[in-house]
Amino acid sequence: MTTRLQHIRDHILAENKCMDMTSPLPSPLTTHVLNTGMGVPGAGMALSLHRLDPVTSAWSLITAGTTNDDGRCPGLITRECFTPGVYKIRFESGQYWEGLGETCFYPYIEIVFNITDAAQKFHVPLLLSRFSYSTYRGS
């Protein structure tokens, strides 16, 4: 039992090294939320970054944050923790629209993507309105 608890503790400590939203170093993964319905950045939207465990098929939370006034969330993950694998960014769109006094069709949006070369930089923008959204791999 002690070995299992040690493994869990080491895993939690390793994950926490990835969670530094105040890091001055640029993240290899960035996002930008644009409210296309109003023509403004998606400021104040809660989001979280997760990695899929290939063995258990369970999602592990890497970090959580809120978009700034420009609709960006810097410091999602450090270069050290950014490894090949399947990731998702979950955007809390329902809360965002509710905060603007609006309703929406999608209560949250999850963008799932595959990283094969972690040496590259990846940009995952979200363009949304109350009833639609789109995304693409940016640079």
Protein backbone atom coordinates (compact mmCIF):
# COMPACT_ATOMS: atom_id res chain seq x y z
CA MET A 1 0.00 0.00 0.00
CA THR A 2 2.83 2.42 0.78
CA THR A 3 4.25 2.08 -2.74
CA ARG A 4 0.87 2.93 -4.26
CA LEU A 5 0.47 6.00 -2.04
CA GLN A 6 4.01 7.12 -2.93
CA HIS A 7 3.18 6.74 -6.63
CA ILE A 8 0.03 8.83 -6.21
CA ARG A 9 1.93 11.52 -4.27
CA ASP A 10 4.67 11.65 -6.91
CA HIS A 11 2.05 11.95 -9.66
CA ILE A 12 0.30 14.84 -7.90
CA LEU A 13 3.59 16.65 -7.29
CA ALA A 14 4.62 16.16 -10.93
CA GLU A 15 1.28 17.55 -12.14
CA ASN A 16 1.64 20.61 -9.90
CA LYS A 17 4.90 21.51 -11.67
CA CYS A 18 2.78 22.04 -14.79
CA MET A 19 0.40 24.43 -13.07
CA ASP A 20 2.04 27.84 -13.14
CA MET A 21 -0.30 30.44 -14.61
CA THR A 22 2.13 33.19 -13.53
CA SER A 23 5.18 31.77 -15.33
CA PRO A 24 7.10 34.42 -17.29
CA LEU A 25 8.12 31.78 -19.85
CA PRO A 26 5.84 31.45 -22.87
CA SER A 27 3.58 28.42 -22.90
CA PRO A 28 3.98 26.03 -25.87
CA LEU A 29 0.17 25.88 -25.91
CA THR A 30 -1.96 29.01 -26.14
CA THR A 31 -5.61 29.83 -26.60
CA HIS A 32 -7.61 32.92 -27.48
CA VAL A 33 -11.38 33.26 -27.04
CA LEU A 34 -13.22 35.61 -29.37
CA ASN A 35 -16.86 36.49 -28.86
CA THR A 36 -17.83 36.80 -32.53
CA GLY A 37 -21.46 37.51 -31.65
CA MET A 38 -20.47 40.78 -30.03
CA GLY A 39 -17.17 41.38 -31.81
CA VAL A 40 -15.07 41.45 -28.63
CA PRO A 41 -12.52 39.23 -26.85
CA GLY A 42 -14.04 36.53 -24.64
CA ALA A 43 -12.80 38.04 -21.38
CA GLY A 44 -13.48 36.38 -18.04
CA MET A 45 -14.18 32.86 -19.36
CA ALA A 46 -13.16 30.01 -17.06
CA LEU A 47 -11.27 27.18 -18.72
CA SER A 48 -9.23 24.12 -17.84
CA LEU A 49 -6.55 22.07 -19.56
CA HIS A 50 -6.54 18.27 -19.24
CA ARG A 51 -4.38 15.38 -20.52
CA LEU A 52 -5.73 11.91 -21.32
CA ASP A 53 -3.99 9.06 -19.52
CA PRO A 54 -3.34 6.47 -22.25
CA VAL A 55 -3.49 3.59 -19.77
CA THR A 56 -6.65 4.41 -17.83
CA SER A 57 -8.39 6.62 -20.42
CA ALA A 58 -9.06 9.10 -17.61
CA TRP A 59 -8.58 12.84 -17.96
CA SER A 60 -6.07 14.50 -15.60
CA LEU A 61 -6.44 18.18 -14.81
CA ILE A 62 -3.26 20.10 -15.64
CA THR A 63 -4.39 23.63 -14.88
CA ALA A 64 -7.39 25.93 -14.71
CA GLY A 65 -7.68 29.62 -15.30
CA THR A 66 -9.71 32.51 -16.64
CA THR A 67 -9.22 34.48 -19.83
CA ASN A 68 -7.84 37.98 -19.45
CA ASP A 69 -9.25 41.19 -20.96
CA ASP A 70 -7.85 40.18 -24.36
CA GLY A 71 -9.52 36.73 -24.20
CA ARG A 72 -6.21 34.94 -23.60
CA CYS A 73 -5.08 32.63 -20.80
CA PRO A 74 -1.28 32.72 -20.58
CA GLY A 75 0.77 30.05 -18.85
CA LEU A 76 -1.39 27.03 -19.64
CA ILE A 77 1.49 24.55 -19.43
CA THR A 78 5.26 24.63 -19.15
CA ARG A 79 7.53 23.35 -21.92
CA GLU A 80 8.81 20.73 -19.45
CA CYS A 81 5.34 19.28 -18.87
CA PHE A 82 4.17 19.51 -22.47
CA THR A 83 4.57 16.00 -23.82
CA PRO A 84 3.02 14.12 -26.74
CA GLY A 85 -0.50 12.92 -26.02
CA VAL A 86 -4.18 13.76 -26.20
CA TYR A 87 -5.27 16.99 -24.52
CA LYS A 88 -8.48 18.93 -24.12
CA ILE A 89 -9.33 22.47 -23.20
CA ARG A 90 -12.71 22.83 -21.54
CA PHE A 91 -14.27 26.27 -21.87
CA GLU A 92 -17.11 27.17 -19.45
CA SER A 93 -19.21 28.94 -22.08
CA GLY A 94 -22.50 28.72 -20.17
CA GLN A 95 -21.07 30.59 -17.19
CA TYR A 96 -19.49 33.13 -19.55
CA TRP A 97 -22.78 33.95 -21.29
CA GLU A 98 -24.68 33.93 -18.00
CA GLY A 99 -22.22 36.53 -16.71
CA LEU A 100 -23.18 38.69 -19.68
CA GLY A 101 -26.88 38.28 -18.89
CA GLU A 102 -27.42 35.97 -21.85
CA THR A 103 -28.37 32.35 -22.44
CA CYS A 104 -26.57 29.99 -24.81
CA PHE A 105 -26.98 26.60 -26.44
CA TYR A 106 -23.64 25.07 -25.34
CA PRO A 107 -23.12 25.01 -21.54
CA TYR A 108 -19.46 24.13 -22.07
CA ILE A 109 -17.16 23.47 -25.01
CA GLU A 110 -14.45 20.83 -25.00
CA ILE A 111 -11.80 20.94 -27.70
CA VAL A 112 -9.85 17.67 -27.85
CA PHE A 113 -6.59 17.55 -29.81
CA ASN A 114 -3.57 15.33 -30.34
CA ILE A 115 0.00 16.50 -29.80
CA THR A 116 2.60 14.39 -31.62
CA ASP A 117 5.50 16.86 -31.65
CA ALA A 118 5.69 18.74 -28.35
CA ALA A 119 8.62 20.81 -29.65
CA GLN A 120 6.21 22.82 -31.78
CA LYS A 121 4.03 25.70 -30.61
CA PHE A 122 0.27 25.14 -30.68
CA HIS A 123 -2.47 27.76 -30.66
CA VAL A 124 -6.10 26.66 -30.15
CA PRO A 125 -8.47 29.60 -30.62
CA LEU A 126 -12.18 29.48 -29.84
CA LEU A 127 -14.57 31.66 -31.82
CA LEU A 128 -18.03 31.65 -30.31
CA SER A 129 -21.47 33.16 -30.26
CA ARG A 130 -24.43 32.13 -28.12
CA PHE A 131 -25.47 29.42 -30.59
CA SER A 132 -22.29 28.37 -32.39
CA TYR A 133 -18.56 27.95 -32.08
CA SER A 134 -15.56 27.05 -34.21
CA THR A 135 -11.90 26.35 -33.67
CA TYR A 136 -8.78 25.56 -35.65
CA ARG A 137 -5.09 24.93 -35.11
CA GLY A 138 -3.39 28.28 -35.21
CA SER A 139 0.27 29.17 -35.05
